[in-house]
N, C-alpha and C. Protein backbone atom coordinates (compact mmCIF):
# COMPACT_ATOMS: atom_id res chain seq x y z
N MET A 1 0.85 -1.18 0.00
CA MET A 1 0.00 0.00 0.00
C MET A 1 0.89 1.24 0.00
N SER A 2 0.61 2.19 -0.87
CA SER A 2 1.41 3.41 -0.94
C SER A 2 1.11 4.30 0.26
N LEU A 3 1.99 5.27 0.50
CA LEU A 3 1.77 6.21 1.60
C LEU A 3 0.50 7.02 1.38
N GLU A 4 0.21 7.37 0.12
CA GLU A 4 -1.02 8.11 -0.17
C GLU A 4 -2.24 7.26 0.16
N ASP A 5 -2.17 5.95 -0.13
CA ASP A 5 -3.27 5.04 0.21
C ASP A 5 -3.42 4.94 1.74
N GLU A 6 -2.29 4.90 2.44
CA GLU A 6 -2.35 4.87 3.91
C GLU A 6 -3.03 6.13 4.44
N TYR A 7 -2.69 7.27 3.85
CA TYR A 7 -3.29 8.53 4.29
C TYR A 7 -4.80 8.54 4.04
N ALA A 8 -5.25 7.85 3.00
CA ALA A 8 -6.68 7.79 2.67
C ALA A 8 -7.47 6.96 3.68
N GLN A 9 -6.77 6.19 4.52
CA GLN A 9 -7.44 5.40 5.54
C GLN A 9 -8.06 6.33 6.58
N PRO A 10 -9.10 5.90 7.27
CA PRO A 10 -9.70 6.76 8.29
C PRO A 10 -8.72 7.03 9.43
N GLU A 11 -8.76 8.26 9.91
CA GLU A 11 -7.94 8.63 11.06
C GLU A 11 -8.64 8.15 12.33
N ARG A 12 -7.86 7.50 13.21
CA ARG A 12 -8.40 7.02 14.48
C ARG A 12 -7.68 7.73 15.62
N VAL A 13 -8.44 8.26 16.55
CA VAL A 13 -7.89 8.90 17.74
C VAL A 13 -7.87 7.85 18.85
N HIS A 14 -6.68 7.55 19.37
CA HIS A 14 -6.52 6.54 20.42
C HIS A 14 -6.51 7.15 21.80
N TRP A 15 -6.06 8.37 21.89
CA TRP A 15 -6.03 9.08 23.17
C TRP A 15 -6.01 10.57 22.86
N GLN A 16 -6.69 11.35 23.68
CA GLN A 16 -6.64 12.80 23.50
C GLN A 16 -6.66 13.49 24.85
N GLY A 17 -5.73 14.43 25.01
CA GLY A 17 -5.69 15.28 26.19
C GLY A 17 -6.13 16.68 25.80
N LYS A 18 -5.78 17.64 26.62
CA LYS A 18 -6.17 19.03 26.35
C LYS A 18 -5.43 19.59 25.13
N PHE A 19 -4.15 19.21 24.95
CA PHE A 19 -3.34 19.81 23.89
C PHE A 19 -2.84 18.82 22.83
N LEU A 20 -2.80 17.52 23.16
CA LEU A 20 -2.24 16.52 22.24
C LEU A 20 -3.20 15.37 22.02
N ALA A 21 -3.08 14.76 20.84
CA ALA A 21 -3.86 13.56 20.53
C ALA A 21 -2.94 12.54 19.85
N MET A 22 -3.10 11.27 20.23
CA MET A 22 -2.37 10.16 19.61
C MET A 22 -3.29 9.55 18.58
N LYS A 23 -2.82 9.46 17.31
CA LYS A 23 -3.68 9.03 16.21
C LYS A 23 -2.98 7.98 15.36
N THR A 24 -3.79 7.27 14.55
CA THR A 24 -3.25 6.38 13.53
C THR A 24 -4.06 6.55 12.25
N ARG A 25 -3.39 6.27 11.15
CA ARG A 25 -4.00 6.11 9.82
C ARG A 25 -3.32 4.88 9.24
N GLY A 26 -4.10 3.84 8.98
CA GLY A 26 -3.48 2.61 8.53
C GLY A 26 -2.50 2.13 9.58
N ARG A 27 -1.26 1.88 9.19
CA ARG A 27 -0.24 1.39 10.14
C ARG A 27 0.60 2.52 10.73
N TRP A 28 0.32 3.79 10.37
CA TRP A 28 1.13 4.93 10.80
C TRP A 28 0.59 5.55 12.08
N GLU A 29 1.48 5.73 13.05
CA GLU A 29 1.15 6.37 14.32
C GLU A 29 1.73 7.78 14.32
N TYR A 30 0.99 8.72 14.90
CA TYR A 30 1.50 10.09 14.99
C TYR A 30 0.74 10.85 16.07
N VAL A 31 1.28 12.00 16.41
CA VAL A 31 0.71 12.87 17.42
C VAL A 31 0.35 14.18 16.75
N SER A 32 -0.75 14.77 17.19
CA SER A 32 -1.12 16.09 16.67
C SER A 32 -1.58 16.97 17.82
N ARG A 33 -1.56 18.26 17.58
CA ARG A 33 -2.12 19.22 18.53
C ARG A 33 -3.64 19.16 18.40
N THR A 34 -4.34 19.32 19.49
CA THR A 34 -5.79 19.38 19.44
C THR A 34 -6.22 20.76 18.95
N ARG A 35 -7.41 20.86 18.48
CA ARG A 35 -8.02 22.13 18.03
C ARG A 35 -7.18 22.84 16.98
N ASN A 36 -6.33 22.10 16.25
CA ASN A 36 -5.47 22.69 15.21
C ASN A 36 -4.56 23.79 15.74
N ILE A 37 -4.21 23.71 17.02
CA ILE A 37 -3.29 24.69 17.60
C ILE A 37 -1.93 24.55 16.94
N ARG A 38 -1.30 25.67 16.65
CA ARG A 38 0.05 25.67 16.07
C ARG A 38 0.94 26.52 16.96
N ALA A 39 2.17 26.69 16.57
CA ALA A 39 3.12 27.42 17.39
C ALA A 39 3.72 28.59 16.63
N ALA A 40 4.20 29.55 17.39
CA ALA A 40 4.97 30.67 16.85
C ALA A 40 6.36 30.58 17.47
N VAL A 41 7.39 30.63 16.64
CA VAL A 41 8.78 30.57 17.08
C VAL A 41 9.44 31.87 16.64
N ILE A 42 10.23 32.47 17.53
CA ILE A 42 10.77 33.79 17.25
C ILE A 42 12.30 33.77 17.21
N LEU A 43 12.84 34.15 16.06
CA LEU A 43 14.28 34.38 15.91
C LEU A 43 14.48 35.86 16.16
N ALA A 44 14.88 36.21 17.38
CA ALA A 44 15.03 37.61 17.80
C ALA A 44 16.50 37.99 17.79
N ILE A 45 16.83 38.96 16.93
CA ILE A 45 18.21 39.41 16.80
C ILE A 45 18.31 40.85 17.30
N ASP A 46 19.26 41.09 18.21
CA ASP A 46 19.43 42.41 18.81
C ASP A 46 20.89 42.82 18.72
N ASP A 47 21.19 43.71 17.78
CA ASP A 47 22.53 44.29 17.68
C ASP A 47 23.62 43.20 17.65
N GLY A 48 23.45 42.23 16.76
CA GLY A 48 24.44 41.16 16.62
C GLY A 48 24.34 40.06 17.66
N HIS A 49 23.28 40.05 18.43
CA HIS A 49 23.05 39.05 19.46
C HIS A 49 21.71 38.37 19.20
N VAL A 50 21.64 37.10 19.56
CA VAL A 50 20.38 36.36 19.46
C VAL A 50 19.84 36.18 20.88
N ILE A 51 18.52 36.27 21.00
CA ILE A 51 17.87 36.08 22.29
C ILE A 51 17.40 34.62 22.37
N LEU A 52 17.90 33.91 23.36
CA LEU A 52 17.56 32.51 23.58
C LEU A 52 16.90 32.36 24.94
N VAL A 53 16.16 31.27 25.11
CA VAL A 53 15.56 30.98 26.40
C VAL A 53 16.02 29.61 26.88
N GLU A 54 16.10 29.52 28.19
CA GLU A 54 16.47 28.27 28.86
C GLU A 54 15.32 27.91 29.78
N GLN A 55 14.85 26.67 29.69
CA GLN A 55 13.79 26.24 30.58
C GLN A 55 13.82 24.72 30.74
N PHE A 56 13.25 24.27 31.84
CA PHE A 56 13.15 22.84 32.08
C PHE A 56 12.01 22.29 31.26
N ARG A 57 12.24 21.17 30.57
CA ARG A 57 11.21 20.50 29.78
C ARG A 57 10.96 19.11 30.38
N VAL A 58 9.76 18.92 30.88
CA VAL A 58 9.39 17.67 31.53
C VAL A 58 9.57 16.48 30.59
N ALA A 59 9.19 16.62 29.32
CA ALA A 59 9.29 15.50 28.37
C ALA A 59 10.72 14.99 28.24
N LEU A 60 11.70 15.87 28.40
CA LEU A 60 13.11 15.47 28.30
C LEU A 60 13.75 15.23 29.66
N GLY A 61 13.15 15.78 30.71
CA GLY A 61 13.72 15.65 32.04
C GLY A 61 14.99 16.46 32.20
N ARG A 62 15.10 17.55 31.47
CA ARG A 62 16.30 18.38 31.56
C ARG A 62 16.00 19.81 31.09
N ARG A 63 16.94 20.69 31.36
CA ARG A 63 16.83 22.07 30.88
C ARG A 63 17.19 22.08 29.40
N THR A 64 16.62 23.02 28.68
CA THR A 64 16.88 23.13 27.24
C THR A 64 17.24 24.56 26.88
N ILE A 65 17.92 24.69 25.75
CA ILE A 65 18.19 26.00 25.15
C ILE A 65 17.37 26.05 23.87
N GLU A 66 16.56 27.10 23.75
CA GLU A 66 15.61 27.19 22.65
C GLU A 66 15.48 28.63 22.15
N LEU A 67 14.87 28.76 20.98
CA LEU A 67 14.39 30.06 20.55
C LEU A 67 13.09 30.31 21.32
N PRO A 68 12.78 31.58 21.62
CA PRO A 68 11.49 31.85 22.27
C PRO A 68 10.35 31.33 21.39
N ALA A 69 9.32 30.81 22.02
CA ALA A 69 8.21 30.23 21.25
C ALA A 69 6.99 30.07 22.14
N GLY A 70 5.86 29.84 21.50
CA GLY A 70 4.65 29.58 22.25
C GLY A 70 3.53 29.16 21.34
N LEU A 71 2.46 28.70 21.95
CA LEU A 71 1.31 28.23 21.19
C LEU A 71 0.43 29.41 20.77
N VAL A 72 -0.19 29.24 19.62
CA VAL A 72 -1.10 30.25 19.06
C VAL A 72 -2.52 29.82 19.36
N GLY A 73 -3.29 30.68 20.02
CA GLY A 73 -4.69 30.37 20.28
C GLY A 73 -4.89 29.21 21.22
N ASP A 74 -4.03 29.06 22.21
CA ASP A 74 -4.12 27.91 23.11
C ASP A 74 -5.10 28.11 24.26
N HIS A 75 -5.66 29.29 24.39
CA HIS A 75 -6.66 29.55 25.43
C HIS A 75 -8.02 29.66 24.77
N ASP A 76 -9.04 29.18 25.44
CA ASP A 76 -10.39 29.20 24.86
C ASP A 76 -10.83 30.60 24.48
N ASP A 77 -10.39 31.62 25.23
CA ASP A 77 -10.83 32.99 24.95
C ASP A 77 -10.07 33.65 23.80
N ASP A 78 -9.04 33.00 23.25
CA ASP A 78 -8.29 33.58 22.12
C ASP A 78 -8.03 32.54 21.03
N ALA A 79 -8.97 31.67 20.79
CA ALA A 79 -8.80 30.58 19.82
C ALA A 79 -8.53 31.11 18.41
N ASP A 80 -8.96 32.34 18.11
CA ASP A 80 -8.75 32.93 16.78
C ASP A 80 -7.52 33.84 16.72
N GLU A 81 -6.64 33.73 17.69
CA GLU A 81 -5.45 34.57 17.76
C GLU A 81 -4.61 34.42 16.49
N GLU A 82 -4.08 35.53 15.99
CA GLU A 82 -3.18 35.51 14.85
C GLU A 82 -1.79 35.09 15.32
N ALA A 83 -1.06 34.38 14.47
CA ALA A 83 0.27 33.89 14.82
C ALA A 83 1.22 35.04 15.14
N ILE A 84 1.15 36.14 14.42
CA ILE A 84 2.05 37.27 14.67
C ILE A 84 1.76 37.91 16.03
N THR A 85 0.50 37.90 16.43
CA THR A 85 0.13 38.43 17.75
C THR A 85 0.70 37.54 18.85
N ALA A 86 0.59 36.22 18.65
CA ALA A 86 1.15 35.28 19.62
C ALA A 86 2.67 35.42 19.70
N ALA A 87 3.32 35.60 18.54
CA ALA A 87 4.78 35.75 18.52
C ALA A 87 5.21 36.96 19.33
N ALA A 88 4.56 38.09 19.12
CA ALA A 88 4.91 39.31 19.87
C ALA A 88 4.66 39.12 21.36
N ARG A 89 3.54 38.50 21.71
CA ARG A 89 3.20 38.25 23.11
C ARG A 89 4.22 37.33 23.77
N GLU A 90 4.53 36.21 23.09
CA GLU A 90 5.48 35.25 23.65
C GLU A 90 6.87 35.84 23.81
N LEU A 91 7.31 36.64 22.84
CA LEU A 91 8.63 37.28 22.94
C LEU A 91 8.69 38.13 24.20
N GLU A 92 7.66 38.93 24.45
CA GLU A 92 7.64 39.79 25.63
C GLU A 92 7.56 38.97 26.91
N GLU A 93 6.64 37.99 26.96
CA GLU A 93 6.47 37.18 28.17
C GLU A 93 7.73 36.40 28.52
N GLU A 94 8.33 35.77 27.52
CA GLU A 94 9.47 34.89 27.80
C GLU A 94 10.77 35.64 27.98
N THR A 95 10.98 36.71 27.21
CA THR A 95 12.30 37.35 27.20
C THR A 95 12.33 38.77 27.74
N GLY A 96 11.20 39.43 27.82
CA GLY A 96 11.17 40.83 28.25
C GLY A 96 11.53 41.80 27.13
N TYR A 97 11.62 41.32 25.90
CA TYR A 97 11.93 42.18 24.75
C TYR A 97 10.66 42.41 23.92
N ARG A 98 10.54 43.62 23.40
CA ARG A 98 9.48 43.96 22.45
C ARG A 98 10.15 44.24 21.10
N ALA A 99 9.58 43.67 20.06
CA ALA A 99 10.13 43.83 18.71
C ALA A 99 9.54 45.07 18.03
N GLY A 100 10.42 45.90 17.46
CA GLY A 100 9.95 47.02 16.63
C GLY A 100 9.49 46.52 15.28
N THR A 101 10.14 45.45 14.80
CA THR A 101 9.77 44.82 13.53
C THR A 101 9.69 43.32 13.76
N ILE A 102 8.60 42.74 13.29
CA ILE A 102 8.44 41.29 13.37
C ILE A 102 7.77 40.83 12.09
N GLU A 103 8.43 39.89 11.41
CA GLU A 103 7.87 39.43 10.14
C GLU A 103 7.97 37.91 10.05
N ALA A 104 6.96 37.34 9.39
CA ALA A 104 6.90 35.89 9.21
C ALA A 104 7.92 35.45 8.17
N VAL A 105 8.65 34.38 8.48
CA VAL A 105 9.59 33.77 7.55
C VAL A 105 8.89 32.65 6.78
N GLY A 106 8.01 31.91 7.45
CA GLY A 106 7.27 30.83 6.81
C GLY A 106 6.84 29.79 7.82
N GLU A 107 6.07 28.83 7.33
CA GLU A 107 5.58 27.74 8.16
C GLU A 107 6.51 26.53 8.01
N PHE A 108 6.79 25.87 9.12
CA PHE A 108 7.68 24.72 9.15
C PHE A 108 7.05 23.63 10.01
N TYR A 109 7.57 22.40 9.86
CA TYR A 109 7.09 21.27 10.65
C TYR A 109 8.26 20.74 11.46
N SER A 110 8.01 20.52 12.76
CA SER A 110 9.10 20.19 13.67
C SER A 110 9.63 18.77 13.50
N SER A 111 8.79 17.80 13.29
CA SER A 111 9.21 16.42 13.11
C SER A 111 8.14 15.71 12.30
N PRO A 112 8.10 15.96 10.97
CA PRO A 112 6.96 15.55 10.15
C PRO A 112 6.72 14.05 10.02
N GLY A 113 7.63 13.23 10.43
CA GLY A 113 7.40 11.79 10.39
C GLY A 113 6.61 11.30 11.59
N MET A 114 6.46 12.15 12.62
CA MET A 114 5.85 11.70 13.86
C MET A 114 4.81 12.68 14.42
N VAL A 115 4.94 13.95 14.09
CA VAL A 115 4.10 14.98 14.70
C VAL A 115 3.53 15.87 13.60
N THR A 116 2.24 16.19 13.68
CA THR A 116 1.65 17.09 12.68
C THR A 116 1.88 18.55 13.01
N GLU A 117 2.47 18.84 14.17
CA GLU A 117 2.63 20.22 14.61
C GLU A 117 3.38 21.08 13.60
N ALA A 118 2.79 22.23 13.33
CA ALA A 118 3.42 23.23 12.48
C ALA A 118 3.76 24.44 13.33
N PHE A 119 4.80 25.15 12.92
CA PHE A 119 5.10 26.42 13.57
C PHE A 119 5.43 27.45 12.51
N THR A 120 5.11 28.68 12.81
CA THR A 120 5.50 29.79 11.95
C THR A 120 6.73 30.43 12.58
N LEU A 121 7.79 30.55 11.80
CA LEU A 121 9.01 31.20 12.27
C LEU A 121 8.89 32.69 11.98
N PHE A 122 9.16 33.50 13.00
CA PHE A 122 9.15 34.95 12.88
C PHE A 122 10.54 35.50 13.12
N HIS A 123 10.90 36.52 12.37
CA HIS A 123 12.17 37.22 12.54
C HIS A 123 11.86 38.55 13.22
N ALA A 124 12.38 38.72 14.42
CA ALA A 124 12.13 39.93 15.20
C ALA A 124 13.41 40.76 15.31
N THR A 125 13.30 42.04 15.01
CA THR A 125 14.44 42.95 15.08
C THR A 125 13.99 44.26 15.73
N ASP A 126 14.90 45.20 15.83
CA ASP A 126 14.63 46.49 16.49
C ASP A 126 14.05 46.24 17.88
N LEU A 127 14.79 45.46 18.66
CA LEU A 127 14.30 45.04 19.97
C LEU A 127 14.51 46.11 21.03
N GLU A 128 13.57 46.16 21.95
CA GLU A 128 13.64 47.07 23.10
C GLU A 128 13.39 46.23 24.35
N LYS A 129 14.28 46.35 25.32
CA LYS A 129 14.11 45.61 26.58
C LYS A 129 13.09 46.35 27.43
N ILE A 130 11.96 45.70 27.71
CA ILE A 130 10.88 46.36 28.46
C ILE A 130 10.59 45.68 29.79
N GLY A 131 11.21 44.53 30.05
CA GLY A 131 10.97 43.81 31.29
C GLY A 131 11.99 42.70 31.47
N GLU A 132 11.79 41.91 32.50
CA GLU A 132 12.73 40.84 32.82
C GLU A 132 12.47 39.56 32.03
N GLY A 133 11.25 39.37 31.56
CA GLY A 133 10.93 38.11 30.92
C GLY A 133 10.76 37.03 31.97
N GLY A 134 11.02 35.80 31.60
CA GLY A 134 10.91 34.69 32.54
C GLY A 134 9.67 33.85 32.36
N GLY A 135 8.77 34.29 31.48
CA GLY A 135 7.56 33.53 31.21
C GLY A 135 6.45 33.86 32.18
N VAL A 136 5.42 33.03 32.12
CA VAL A 136 4.26 33.21 32.99
C VAL A 136 4.08 31.96 33.84
N GLY A 137 3.40 32.13 34.97
CA GLY A 137 3.17 30.99 35.85
C GLY A 137 4.47 30.39 36.34
N ASP A 138 4.59 29.08 36.19
CA ASP A 138 5.77 28.37 36.69
C ASP A 138 6.80 28.06 35.61
N GLU A 139 6.80 28.83 34.50
CA GLU A 139 7.73 28.54 33.41
C GLU A 139 9.20 28.69 33.82
N ALA A 140 9.52 29.64 34.69
CA ALA A 140 10.89 29.82 35.19
C ALA A 140 11.92 29.87 34.06
N ILE A 141 11.69 30.73 33.10
CA ILE A 141 12.57 30.86 31.93
C ILE A 141 13.74 31.78 32.25
N THR A 142 14.93 31.35 31.85
CA THR A 142 16.13 32.18 31.94
C THR A 142 16.42 32.70 30.53
N VAL A 143 16.69 33.99 30.42
CA VAL A 143 16.94 34.62 29.12
C VAL A 143 18.44 34.73 28.90
N HIS A 144 18.88 34.40 27.68
CA HIS A 144 20.28 34.53 27.29
C HIS A 144 20.36 35.43 26.06
N ARG A 145 21.22 36.42 26.11
CA ARG A 145 21.52 37.28 24.96
C ARG A 145 22.94 36.93 24.54
N VAL A 146 23.05 36.20 23.42
CA VAL A 146 24.33 35.62 23.01
C VAL A 146 24.78 36.23 21.69
N ALA A 147 26.03 36.64 21.63
CA ALA A 147 26.58 37.17 20.38
C ALA A 147 26.51 36.07 19.31
N VAL A 148 26.02 36.43 18.14
CA VAL A 148 25.91 35.45 17.06
C VAL A 148 27.27 34.82 16.78
N ALA A 149 28.34 35.59 16.88
CA ALA A 149 29.68 35.07 16.63
C ALA A 149 30.10 34.03 17.66
N GLU A 150 29.44 34.00 18.82
CA GLU A 150 29.79 33.07 19.89
C GLU A 150 28.74 31.96 20.10
N ILE A 151 27.76 31.89 19.22
CA ILE A 151 26.64 30.97 19.43
C ILE A 151 27.07 29.51 19.40
N GLU A 152 27.98 29.17 18.51
CA GLU A 152 28.41 27.77 18.42
C GLU A 152 29.07 27.32 19.72
N ALA A 153 29.91 28.15 20.29
CA ALA A 153 30.57 27.82 21.56
C ALA A 153 29.54 27.76 22.70
N PHE A 154 28.57 28.66 22.68
CA PHE A 154 27.53 28.68 23.70
C PHE A 154 26.73 27.37 23.66
N ILE A 155 26.33 26.95 22.47
CA ILE A 155 25.57 25.71 22.31
C ILE A 155 26.41 24.51 22.76
N ALA A 156 27.66 24.47 22.35
CA ALA A 156 28.53 23.35 22.73
C ALA A 156 28.70 23.28 24.25
N ALA A 157 28.85 24.43 24.89
CA ALA A 157 29.01 24.45 26.35
C ALA A 157 27.76 23.95 27.06
N ARG A 158 26.61 24.39 26.59
CA ARG A 158 25.36 23.94 27.22
C ARG A 158 25.13 22.44 26.95
N ARG A 159 25.44 21.99 25.76
CA ARG A 159 25.30 20.55 25.46
C ARG A 159 26.20 19.76 26.40
N ALA A 160 27.44 20.21 26.62
CA ALA A 160 28.38 19.51 27.51
C ALA A 160 27.86 19.49 28.95
N GLN A 161 27.04 20.46 29.31
CA GLN A 161 26.45 20.51 30.65
C GLN A 161 25.18 19.66 30.75
N GLY A 162 24.79 19.01 29.65
CA GLY A 162 23.64 18.13 29.67
C GLY A 162 22.33 18.76 29.24
N PHE A 163 22.39 19.98 28.73
CA PHE A 163 21.18 20.65 28.26
C PHE A 163 20.69 20.00 26.97
N GLY A 164 19.38 20.00 26.77
CA GLY A 164 18.81 19.65 25.48
C GLY A 164 18.90 20.87 24.57
N ILE A 165 19.20 20.67 23.30
CA ILE A 165 19.34 21.77 22.35
C ILE A 165 18.21 21.68 21.33
N ASP A 166 17.43 22.74 21.25
CA ASP A 166 16.32 22.80 20.29
C ASP A 166 16.86 22.70 18.87
N THR A 167 16.23 21.86 18.06
CA THR A 167 16.66 21.65 16.68
C THR A 167 16.71 22.95 15.87
N ARG A 168 15.88 23.92 16.24
CA ARG A 168 15.86 25.18 15.49
C ARG A 168 17.15 25.98 15.64
N LEU A 169 17.99 25.62 16.59
CA LEU A 169 19.27 26.30 16.71
C LEU A 169 20.23 25.89 15.61
N LEU A 170 19.84 24.91 14.79
CA LEU A 170 20.62 24.59 13.60
C LEU A 170 20.71 25.79 12.65
N LEU A 171 19.80 26.75 12.80
CA LEU A 171 19.88 27.99 12.01
C LEU A 171 21.28 28.60 12.10
N PHE A 172 21.89 28.48 13.27
CA PHE A 172 23.20 29.09 13.50
C PHE A 172 24.35 28.18 13.12
N LEU A 173 24.12 26.88 13.11
CA LEU A 173 25.18 25.94 12.79
C LEU A 173 25.16 25.52 11.33
N GLY A 174 24.02 25.66 10.68
CA GLY A 174 23.83 25.20 9.31
C GLY A 174 24.86 25.67 8.29
N PRO A 175 25.12 26.97 8.21
CA PRO A 175 26.07 27.44 7.19
C PRO A 175 27.44 26.76 7.27
N ARG A 176 27.91 26.47 8.48
CA ARG A 176 29.19 25.82 8.64
C ARG A 176 29.11 24.34 8.26
N LEU A 177 27.95 23.74 8.44
CA LEU A 177 27.79 22.31 8.18
C LEU A 177 27.60 22.01 6.69
N ILE A 178 27.10 22.99 5.97
CA ILE A 178 26.81 22.78 4.55
C ILE A 178 27.98 23.25 3.71
N THR A 179 28.62 22.30 3.04
CA THR A 179 29.71 22.65 2.13
C THR A 179 29.35 22.16 0.75
N VAL A 180 29.69 22.95 -0.21
CA VAL A 180 29.32 22.60 -1.60
C VAL A 180 30.55 22.10 -2.33
């Protein structure tokens, strides 16, 4: 059976929580966000520095280094939230920075063989520090402002300390890894 034929099979929901659902189509298993919730991820550049966040992730059981990000329309009262609005909100909540300019780069999929989750990547510039950041509730986010020229060493140091590294940080390592 071709993959297209597998996709034509009825989708079955095996388990569903508030934000995630475990599904199958034919023999393929995958996870999706409920209510078609997607994410906004922010590449925030400030005067040659990138703004990163550090937080504990229960799924990994460790602290991670990531780009600021958050869910779009994840509350019942803002289900119609625009992705750019969520990006601006998440940048301020998590990092304490407000973007003078924020523009969408495009939609991407985090792990398309296993998860249907999509995220829109935003490029934020003309940043102004307006608060401490740290997230909301119990997020306990630590903000890092790292010189782009030092990002590779920063990532290597955190990896050596046992931190999980968000795949989106490949944005900074990619040019060195790709040789023609």
